[in-house]
Amino acid sequence: MDELQVLGQRVGRKRRRRGLTIEALALISGVHKNTVLNLEHGKSVQVITVFRVAKALGTRADLLLAPSRSRLRRRDRGLESSEPSRGGE
């Protein structure tokens, strides 16, 4: 699972825990509902969107963006580079 998918899962989980619909989160965060859908489905969004959604969810963007524990374990065991993927660059 890539970082964007992990981010999307975290956003969706926090949204549901707070009892918010996608439309409500979009309204509170000031973004379009399709943007929230894209975020939750692991698609690329603007960085400012992550900050706005995090604030609306009562959390911090860095917590939503933090590497998953399994990825940290793989990195610590030397199975994965600590360098972020460049996405084809």
PDB file of N, CA and C in Angstrom:
ATOM      1  N   MET A   1       0.852  -1.173   0.000  1.00  0.00           N
ATOM      2  CA  MET A   1       0.000   0.000   0.000  1.00  0.00           C
ATOM      3  C   MET A   1       0.898   1.236   0.000  1.00  0.00           C
ATOM      4  N   ASP A   2       0.615   2.159  -0.888  1.00  0.00           N
ATOM      5  CA  ASP A   2       1.464   3.344  -0.952  1.00  0.00           C
ATOM      6  C   ASP A   2       1.008   4.417   0.034  1.00  0.00           C
ATOM      7  N   GLU A   3       1.787   5.470   0.124  1.00  0.00           N
ATOM      8  CA  GLU A   3       1.547   6.530   1.098  1.00  0.00           C
ATOM      9  C   GLU A   3       0.202   7.228   0.908  1.00  0.00           C
ATOM     10  N   LEU A   4      -0.189   7.433  -0.343  1.00  0.00           N
ATOM     11  CA  LEU A   4      -1.461   8.105  -0.597  1.00  0.00           C
ATOM     12  C   LEU A   4      -2.645   7.252  -0.157  1.00  0.00           C
ATOM     13  N   GLN A   5      -2.535   5.950  -0.322  1.00  0.00           N
ATOM     14  CA  GLN A   5      -3.596   5.057   0.134  1.00  0.00           C
ATOM     15  C   GLN A   5      -3.688   5.051   1.659  1.00  0.00           C
ATOM     16  N   VAL A   6      -2.535   5.046   2.311  1.00  0.00           N
ATOM     17  CA  VAL A   6      -2.511   5.097   3.782  1.00  0.00           C
ATOM     18  C   VAL A   6      -3.138   6.405   4.259  1.00  0.00           C
ATOM     19  N   LEU A   7      -2.768   7.508   3.631  1.00  0.00           N
ATOM     20  CA  LEU A   7      -3.342   8.807   3.971  1.00  0.00           C
ATOM     21  C   LEU A   7      -4.856   8.774   3.806  1.00  0.00           C
ATOM     22  N   GLY A   8      -5.330   8.249   2.693  1.00  0.00           N
ATOM     23  CA  GLY A   8      -6.760   8.177   2.435  1.00  0.00           C
ATOM     24  C   GLY A   8      -7.503   7.342   3.463  1.00  0.00           C
ATOM     25  N   GLN A   9      -6.903   6.219   3.856  1.00  0.00           N
ATOM     26  CA  GLN A   9      -7.524   5.377   4.883  1.00  0.00           C
ATOM     27  C   GLN A   9      -7.603   6.109   6.211  1.00  0.00           C
ATOM     28  N   ARG A  10      -6.546   6.808   6.559  1.00  0.00           N
ATOM     29  CA  ARG A  10      -6.536   7.550   7.823  1.00  0.00           C
ATOM     30  C   ARG A  10      -7.604   8.644   7.834  1.00  0.00           C
ATOM     31  N   VAL A  11      -7.711   9.372   6.734  1.00  0.00           N
ATOM     32  CA  VAL A  11      -8.713  10.432   6.648  1.00  0.00           C
ATOM     33  C   VAL A  11     -10.116   9.835   6.754  1.00  0.00           C
ATOM     34  N   GLY A  12     -10.373   8.774   6.012  1.00  0.00           N
ATOM     35  CA  GLY A  12     -11.687   8.145   6.049  1.00  0.00           C
ATOM     36  C   GLY A  12     -12.040   7.614   7.429  1.00  0.00           C
ATOM     37  N   ARG A  13     -11.071   7.002   8.073  1.00  0.00           N
ATOM     38  CA  ARG A  13     -11.300   6.455   9.419  1.00  0.00           C
ATOM     39  C   ARG A  13     -11.613   7.580  10.412  1.00  0.00           C
ATOM     40  N   LYS A  14     -10.846   8.651  10.369  1.00  0.00           N
ATOM     41  CA  LYS A  14     -11.093   9.774  11.281  1.00  0.00           C
ATOM     42  C   LYS A  14     -12.433  10.449  10.984  1.00  0.00           C
ATOM     43  N   ARG A  15     -12.763  10.563   9.717  1.00  0.00           N
ATOM     44  CA  ARG A  15     -14.038  11.175   9.349  1.00  0.00           C
ATOM     45  C   ARG A  15     -15.205  10.361   9.897  1.00  0.00           C
ATOM     46  N   ARG A  16     -15.160   9.055   9.705  1.00  0.00           N
ATOM     47  CA  ARG A  16     -16.240   8.193  10.186  1.00  0.00           C
ATOM     48  C   ARG A  16     -16.325   8.193  11.707  1.00  0.00           C
ATOM     49  N   ARG A  17     -15.176   8.185  12.381  1.00  0.00           N
ATOM     50  CA  ARG A  17     -15.174   8.226  13.850  1.00  0.00           C
ATOM     51  C   ARG A  17     -15.823   9.491  14.382  1.00  0.00           C
ATOM     52  N   ARG A  18     -15.735  10.555  13.624  1.00  0.00           N
ATOM     53  CA  ARG A  18     -16.339  11.821  14.046  1.00  0.00           C
ATOM     54  C   ARG A  18     -17.785  11.958  13.567  1.00  0.00           C
ATOM     55  N   GLY A  19     -18.259  10.909  12.878  1.00  0.00           N
ATOM     56  CA  GLY A  19     -19.646  10.913  12.430  1.00  0.00           C
ATOM     57  C   GLY A  19     -19.926  11.887  11.309  1.00  0.00           C
ATOM     58  N   LEU A  20     -18.908  12.184  10.516  1.00  0.00           N
ATOM     59  CA  LEU A  20     -19.060  13.144   9.424  1.00  0.00           C
ATOM     60  C   LEU A  20     -19.277  12.429   8.097  1.00  0.00           C
ATOM     61  N   THR A  21     -20.104  13.003   7.265  1.00  0.00           N
ATOM     62  CA  THR A  21     -20.225  12.537   5.887  1.00  0.00           C
ATOM     63  C   THR A  21     -19.103  13.179   5.077  1.00  0.00           C
ATOM     64  N   ILE A  22     -18.919  12.681   3.881  1.00  0.00           N
ATOM     65  CA  ILE A  22     -17.934  13.290   2.987  1.00  0.00           C
ATOM     66  C   ILE A  22     -18.321  14.735   2.703  1.00  0.00           C
ATOM     67  N   GLU A  23     -19.606  14.960   2.499  1.00  0.00           N
ATOM     68  CA  GLU A  23     -20.088  16.313   2.217  1.00  0.00           C
ATOM     69  C   GLU A  23     -19.837  17.253   3.396  1.00  0.00           C
ATOM     70  N   ALA A  24     -20.076  16.763   4.613  1.00  0.00           N
ATOM     71  CA  ALA A  24     -19.859  17.598   5.805  1.00  0.00           C
ATOM     72  C   ALA A  24     -18.381  17.934   5.964  1.00  0.00           C
ATOM     73  N   LEU A  25     -17.504  16.947   5.773  1.00  0.00           N
ATOM     74  CA  LEU A  25     -16.069  17.215   5.887  1.00  0.00           C
ATOM     75  C   LEU A  25     -15.637  18.215   4.825  1.00  0.00           C
ATOM     76  N   ALA A  26     -16.163  18.080   3.624  1.00  0.00           N
ATOM     77  CA  ALA A  26     -15.829  19.021   2.552  1.00  0.00           C
ATOM     78  C   ALA A  26     -16.259  20.439   2.932  1.00  0.00           C
ATOM     79  N   LEU A  27     -17.459  20.567   3.464  1.00  0.00           N
ATOM     80  CA  LEU A  27     -17.976  21.878   3.852  1.00  0.00           C
ATOM     81  C   LEU A  27     -17.126  22.496   4.963  1.00  0.00           C
ATOM     82  N   ILE A  28     -16.825  21.713   5.990  1.00  0.00           N
ATOM     83  CA  ILE A  28     -16.044  22.218   7.125  1.00  0.00           C
ATOM     84  C   ILE A  28     -14.627  22.607   6.696  1.00  0.00           C
ATOM     85  N   SER A  29     -14.041  21.801   5.818  1.00  0.00           N
ATOM     86  CA  SER A  29     -12.651  22.052   5.424  1.00  0.00           C
ATOM     87  C   SER A  29     -12.528  23.041   4.268  1.00  0.00           C
ATOM     88  N   GLY A  30     -13.638  23.367   3.626  1.00  0.00           N
ATOM     89  CA  GLY A  30     -13.600  24.353   2.546  1.00  0.00           C
ATOM     90  C   GLY A  30     -13.084  23.817   1.227  1.00  0.00           C
ATOM     91  N   VAL A  31     -13.267  22.514   1.002  1.00  0.00           N
ATOM     92  CA  VAL A  31     -12.867  21.914  -0.270  1.00  0.00           C
ATOM     93  C   VAL A  31     -14.089  21.242  -0.887  1.00  0.00           C
ATOM     94  N   HIS A  32     -14.000  20.915  -2.155  1.00  0.00           N
ATOM     95  CA  HIS A  32     -15.104  20.260  -2.852  1.00  0.00           C
ATOM     96  C   HIS A  32     -15.210  18.805  -2.382  1.00  0.00           C
ATOM     97  N   LYS A  33     -16.421  18.260  -2.386  1.00  0.00           N
ATOM     98  CA  LYS A  33     -16.605  16.879  -1.933  1.00  0.00           C
ATOM     99  C   LYS A  33     -15.828  15.891  -2.798  1.00  0.00           C
ATOM    100  N   ASN A  34     -15.658  16.200  -4.093  1.00  0.00           N
ATOM    101  CA  ASN A  34     -14.862  15.311  -4.950  1.00  0.00           C
ATOM    102  C   ASN A  34     -13.403  15.282  -4.517  1.00  0.00           C
ATOM    103  N   THR A  35     -12.922  16.387  -3.964  1.00  0.00           N
ATOM    104  CA  THR A  35     -11.553  16.430  -3.456  1.00  0.00           C
ATOM    105  C   THR A  35     -11.405  15.511  -2.254  1.00  0.00           C
ATOM    106  N   VAL A  36     -12.398  15.517  -1.364  1.00  0.00           N
ATOM    107  CA  VAL A  36     -12.368  14.606  -0.213  1.00  0.00           C
ATOM    108  C   VAL A  36     -12.428  13.162  -0.704  1.00  0.00           C
ATOM    109  N   LEU A  37     -13.290  12.895  -1.675  1.00  0.00           N
ATOM    110  CA  LEU A  37     -13.365  11.542  -2.241  1.00  0.00           C
ATOM    111  C   LEU A  37     -12.023  11.120  -2.831  1.00  0.00           C
ATOM    112  N   ASN A  38     -11.403  12.003  -3.599  1.00  0.00           N
ATOM    113  CA  ASN A  38     -10.093  11.692  -4.174  1.00  0.00           C
ATOM    114  C   ASN A  38      -9.077  11.395  -3.084  1.00  0.00           C
ATOM    115  N   LEU A  39      -9.074  12.214  -2.050  1.00  0.00           N
ATOM    116  CA  LEU A  39      -8.143  12.015  -0.938  1.00  0.00           C
ATOM    117  C   LEU A  39      -8.360  10.656  -0.296  1.00  0.00           C
ATOM    118  N   GLU A  40      -9.601  10.326   0.008  1.00  0.00           N
ATOM    119  CA  GLU A  40      -9.901   9.052   0.662  1.00  0.00           C
ATOM    120  C   GLU A  40      -9.632   7.847  -0.234  1.00  0.00           C
ATOM    121  N   HIS A  41      -9.645   8.060  -1.542  1.00  0.00           N
ATOM    122  CA  HIS A  41      -9.367   6.967  -2.476  1.00  0.00           C
ATOM    123  C   HIS A  41      -7.892   6.886  -2.870  1.00  0.00           C
ATOM    124  N   GLY A  42      -7.046   7.641  -2.173  1.00  0.00           N
ATOM    125  CA  GLY A  42      -5.610   7.532  -2.396  1.00  0.00           C
ATOM    126  C   GLY A  42      -5.099   8.240  -3.622  1.00  0.00           C
ATOM    127  N   LYS A  43      -5.860   9.206  -4.099  1.00  0.00           N
ATOM    128  CA  LYS A  43      -5.405   9.975  -5.254  1.00  0.00           C
ATOM    129  C   LYS A  43      -4.669  11.223  -4.773  1.00  0.00           C
ATOM    130  N   SER A  44      -3.849  11.750  -5.639  1.00  0.00           N
ATOM    131  CA  SER A  44      -3.038  12.911  -5.299  1.00  0.00           C
ATOM    132  C   SER A  44      -3.910  14.153  -5.145  1.00  0.00           C
ATOM    133  N   VAL A  45      -3.641  14.912  -4.091  1.00  0.00           N
ATOM    134  CA  VAL A  45      -4.326  16.184  -3.851  1.00  0.00           C
ATOM    135  C   VAL A  45      -3.268  17.223  -3.485  1.00  0.00           C
ATOM    136  N   GLN A  46      -3.665  18.475  -3.486  1.00  0.00           N
ATOM    137  CA  GLN A  46      -2.735  19.532  -3.110  1.00  0.00           C
ATOM    138  C   GLN A  46      -2.415  19.433  -1.618  1.00  0.00           C
ATOM    139  N   VAL A  47      -1.220  19.843  -1.267  1.00  0.00           N
ATOM    140  CA  VAL A  47      -0.783  19.799   0.126  1.00  0.00           C
ATOM    141  C   VAL A  47      -1.700  20.640   1.018  1.00  0.00           C
ATOM    142  N   ILE A  48      -2.123  21.778   0.546  1.00  0.00           N
ATOM    143  CA  ILE A  48      -2.998  22.637   1.348  1.00  0.00           C
ATOM    144  C   ILE A  48      -4.289  21.910   1.705  1.00  0.00           C
ATOM    145  N   THR A  49      -4.750  21.039   0.818  1.00  0.00           N
ATOM    146  CA  THR A  49      -5.953  20.251   1.091  1.00  0.00           C
ATOM    147  C   THR A  49      -5.754  19.354   2.291  1.00  0.00           C
ATOM    148  N   VAL A  50      -4.599  18.724   2.382  1.00  0.00           N
ATOM    149  CA  VAL A  50      -4.312  17.846   3.527  1.00  0.00           C
ATOM    150  C   VAL A  50      -4.347  18.663   4.818  1.00  0.00           C
ATOM    151  N   PHE A  51      -3.789  19.862   4.799  1.00  0.00           N
ATOM    152  CA  PHE A  51      -3.804  20.714   5.987  1.00  0.00           C
ATOM    153  C   PHE A  51      -5.230  21.129   6.359  1.00  0.00           C
ATOM    154  N   ARG A  52      -6.024  21.501   5.368  1.00  0.00           N
ATOM    155  CA  ARG A  52      -7.404  21.923   5.634  1.00  0.00           C
ATOM    156  C   ARG A  52      -8.245  20.775   6.189  1.00  0.00           C
ATOM    157  N   VAL A  53      -8.104  19.604   5.594  1.00  0.00           N
ATOM    158  CA  VAL A  53      -8.873  18.440   6.043  1.00  0.00           C
ATOM    159  C   VAL A  53      -8.418  18.012   7.436  1.00  0.00           C
ATOM    160  N   ALA A  54      -7.124  18.032   7.672  1.00  0.00           N
ATOM    161  CA  ALA A  54      -6.608  17.676   8.996  1.00  0.00           C
ATOM    162  C   ALA A  54      -7.189  18.603  10.055  1.00  0.00           C
ATOM    163  N   LYS A  55      -7.183  19.895   9.787  1.00  0.00           N
ATOM    164  CA  LYS A  55      -7.732  20.866  10.742  1.00  0.00           C
ATOM    165  C   LYS A  55      -9.211  20.601  10.990  1.00  0.00           C
ATOM    166  N   ALA A  56      -9.959  20.325   9.934  1.00  0.00           N
ATOM    167  CA  ALA A  56     -11.386  20.044  10.071  1.00  0.00           C
ATOM    168  C   ALA A  56     -11.640  18.774  10.888  1.00  0.00           C
ATOM    169  N   LEU A  57     -10.692  17.841  10.827  1.00  0.00           N
ATOM    170  CA  LEU A  57     -10.822  16.591  11.577  1.00  0.00           C
ATOM    171  C   LEU A  57     -10.260  16.699  12.996  1.00  0.00           C
ATOM    172  N   GLY A  58      -9.706  17.859  13.333  1.00  0.00           N
ATOM    173  CA  GLY A  58      -9.161  18.050  14.671  1.00  0.00           C
ATOM    174  C   GLY A  58      -7.838  17.343  14.891  1.00  0.00           C
ATOM    175  N   THR A  59      -7.064  17.220  13.831  1.00  0.00           N
ATOM    176  CA  THR A  59      -5.752  16.577  13.941  1.00  0.00           C
ATOM    177  C   THR A  59      -4.733  17.423  13.189  1.00  0.00           C
ATOM    178  N   ARG A  60      -3.516  16.923  13.110  1.00  0.00           N
ATOM    179  CA  ARG A  60      -2.441  17.622  12.410  1.00  0.00           C
ATOM    180  C   ARG A  60      -2.089  16.878  11.130  1.00  0.00           C
ATOM    181  N   ALA A  61      -1.719  17.626  10.118  1.00  0.00           N
ATOM    182  CA  ALA A  61      -1.362  17.025   8.835  1.00  0.00           C
ATOM    183  C   ALA A  61      -0.189  16.059   8.973  1.00  0.00           C
ATOM    184  N   ASP A  62       0.780  16.403   9.822  1.00  0.00           N
ATOM    185  CA  ASP A  62       1.948  15.517   9.948  1.00  0.00           C
ATOM    186  C   ASP A  62       1.554  14.152  10.507  1.00  0.00           C
ATOM    187  N   LEU A  63       0.526  14.100  11.330  1.00  0.00           N
ATOM    188  CA  LEU A  63       0.073  12.809  11.859  1.00  0.00           C
ATOM    189  C   LEU A  63      -0.631  11.990  10.778  1.00  0.00           C
ATOM    190  N   LEU A  64      -1.342  12.661   9.905  1.00  0.00           N
ATOM    191  CA  LEU A  64      -1.982  11.953   8.801  1.00  0.00           C
ATOM    192  C   LEU A  64      -0.953  11.458   7.787  1.00  0.00           C
ATOM    193  N   LEU A  65       0.141  12.196   7.645  1.00  0.00           N
ATOM    194  CA  LEU A  65       1.151  11.885   6.637  1.00  0.00           C
ATOM    195  C   LEU A  65       2.279  10.984   7.135  1.00  0.00           C
ATOM    196  N   ALA A  66       2.324  10.710   8.424  1.00  0.00           N
ATOM    197  CA  ALA A  66       3.419   9.914   8.989  1.00  0.00           C
ATOM    198  C   ALA A  66       3.466   8.534   8.344  1.00  0.00           C
ATOM    199  N   PRO A  67       4.667   7.991   8.157  1.00  0.00           N
ATOM    200  CA  PRO A  67       4.777   6.645   7.587  1.00  0.00           C
ATOM    201  C   PRO A  67       4.062   5.624   8.469  1.00  0.00           C
ATOM    202  N   SER A  68       3.554   4.590   7.840  1.00  0.00           N
ATOM    203  CA  SER A  68       2.903   3.533   8.606  1.00  0.00           C
ATOM    204  C   SER A  68       3.945   2.796   9.440  1.00  0.00           C
ATOM    205  N   ARG A  69       3.495   2.163  10.499  1.00  0.00           N
ATOM    206  CA  ARG A  69       4.411   1.417  11.378  1.00  0.00           C
ATOM    207  C   ARG A  69       5.105   0.297  10.628  1.00  0.00           C
ATOM    208  N   SER A  70       4.377  -0.398   9.747  1.00  0.00           N
ATOM    209  CA  SER A  70       4.991  -1.507   9.014  1.00  0.00           C
ATOM    210  C   SER A  70       6.083  -0.996   8.082  1.00  0.00           C
ATOM    211  N   ARG A  71       5.864   0.165   7.481  1.00  0.00           N
ATOM    212  CA  ARG A  71       6.893   0.732   6.605  1.00  0.00           C
ATOM    213  C   ARG A  71       8.126   1.113   7.416  1.00  0.00           C
ATOM    214  N   LEU A  72       7.936   1.664   8.612  1.00  0.00           N
ATOM    215  CA  LEU A  72       9.065   2.004   9.468  1.00  0.00           C
ATOM    216  C   LEU A  72       9.833   0.748   9.877  1.00  0.00           C
ATOM    217  N   ARG A  73       9.111  -0.332  10.184  1.00  0.00           N
ATOM    218  CA  ARG A  73       9.786  -1.585  10.561  1.00  0.00           C
ATOM    219  C   ARG A  73      10.613  -2.124   9.404  1.00  0.00           C
ATOM    220  N   ARG A  74      10.046  -2.099   8.182  1.00  0.00           N
ATOM    221  CA  ARG A  74      10.791  -2.580   7.017  1.00  0.00           C
ATOM    222  C   ARG A  74      12.033  -1.732   6.794  1.00  0.00           C
ATOM    223  N   ARG A  75      11.885  -0.412   6.934  1.00  0.00           N
ATOM    224  CA  ARG A  75      13.023   0.485   6.743  1.00  0.00           C
ATOM    225  C   ARG A  75      14.096   0.199   7.783  1.00  0.00           C
ATOM    226  N   ASP A  76      13.681   0.031   9.036  1.00  0.00           N
ATOM    227  CA  ASP A  76      14.637  -0.218  10.109  1.00  0.00           C
ATOM    228  C   ASP A  76      15.366  -1.541   9.935  1.00  0.00           C
ATOM    229  N   ARG A  77      14.734  -2.503   9.278  1.00  0.00           N
ATOM    230  CA  ARG A  77      15.386  -3.793   9.023  1.00  0.00           C
ATOM    231  C   ARG A  77      16.224  -3.752   7.754  1.00  0.00           C
ATOM    232  N   GLY A  78      16.245  -2.607   7.085  1.00  0.00           N
ATOM    233  CA  GLY A  78      17.058  -2.464   5.887  1.00  0.00           C
ATOM    234  C   GLY A  78      16.396  -3.007   4.636  1.00  0.00           C
ATOM    235  N   LEU A  79      15.098  -3.262   4.704  1.00  0.00           N
ATOM    236  CA  LEU A  79      14.401  -3.816   3.554  1.00  0.00           C
ATOM    237  C   LEU A  79      13.859  -2.739   2.628  1.00  0.00           C
ATOM    238  N   GLU A  80      13.988  -1.515   3.051  1.00  0.00           N
ATOM    239  CA  GLU A  80      13.419  -0.432   2.274  1.00  0.00           C
ATOM    240  C   GLU A  80      14.290   0.800   2.445  1.00  0.00           C
ATOM    241  N   SER A  81      14.443   1.525   1.392  1.00  0.00           N
ATOM    242  CA  SER A  81      15.206   2.761   1.452  1.00  0.00           C
ATOM    243  C   SER A  81      14.453   3.788   2.281  1.00  0.00           C
ATOM    244  N   SER A  82      15.180   4.624   2.994  1.00  0.00           N
ATOM    245  CA  SER A  82      14.541   5.707   3.745  1.00  0.00           C
ATOM    246  C   SER A  82      14.211   6.878   2.839  1.00  0.00           C
ATOM    247  N   GLU A  83      14.690   6.823   1.596  1.00  0.00           N
ATOM    248  CA  GLU A  83      14.393   7.896   0.639  1.00  0.00           C
ATOM    249  C   GLU A  83      12.991   7.714   0.105  1.00  0.00           C
ATOM    250  N   PRO A  84      12.227   8.795   0.021  1.00  0.00           N
ATOM    251  CA  PRO A  84      10.870   8.698  -0.536  1.00  0.00           C
ATOM    252  C   PRO A  84      10.915   8.363  -2.023  1.00  0.00           C
ATOM    253  N   SER A  85       9.885   7.695  -2.479  1.00  0.00           N
ATOM    254  CA  SER A  85       9.772   7.364  -3.886  1.00  0.00           C
ATOM    255  C   SER A  85       9.629   8.642  -4.714  1.00  0.00           C
ATOM    256  N   ARG A  86      10.247   8.667  -5.854  1.00  0.00           N
ATOM    257  CA  ARG A  86      10.189   9.850  -6.721  1.00  0.00           C
ATOM    258  C   ARG A  86       9.071   9.732  -7.751  1.00  0.00           C
ATOM    259  N   GLY A  87       8.343   8.629  -7.756  1.00  0.00           N
ATOM    260  CA  GLY A  87       7.202   8.502  -8.649  1.00  0.00           C
ATOM    261  C   GLY A  87       7.573   8.555 -10.123  1.00  0.00           C
ATOM    262  N   GLY A  88       8.663   7.855 -10.508  1.00  0.00           N
ATOM    263  CA  GLY A  88       9.018   7.777 -11.913  1.00  0.00           C
ATOM    264  C   GLY A  88      10.010   8.805 -12.385  1.00  0.00           C
ATOM    265  N   GLU A  89      10.522   9.623 -11.500  1.00  0.00           N
ATOM    266  CA  GLU A  89      11.519  10.625 -11.902  1.00  0.00           C
ATOM    267  C   GLU A  89      12.850   9.974 -12.168  1.00  0.00           C
TER     268      GLU A  89
END
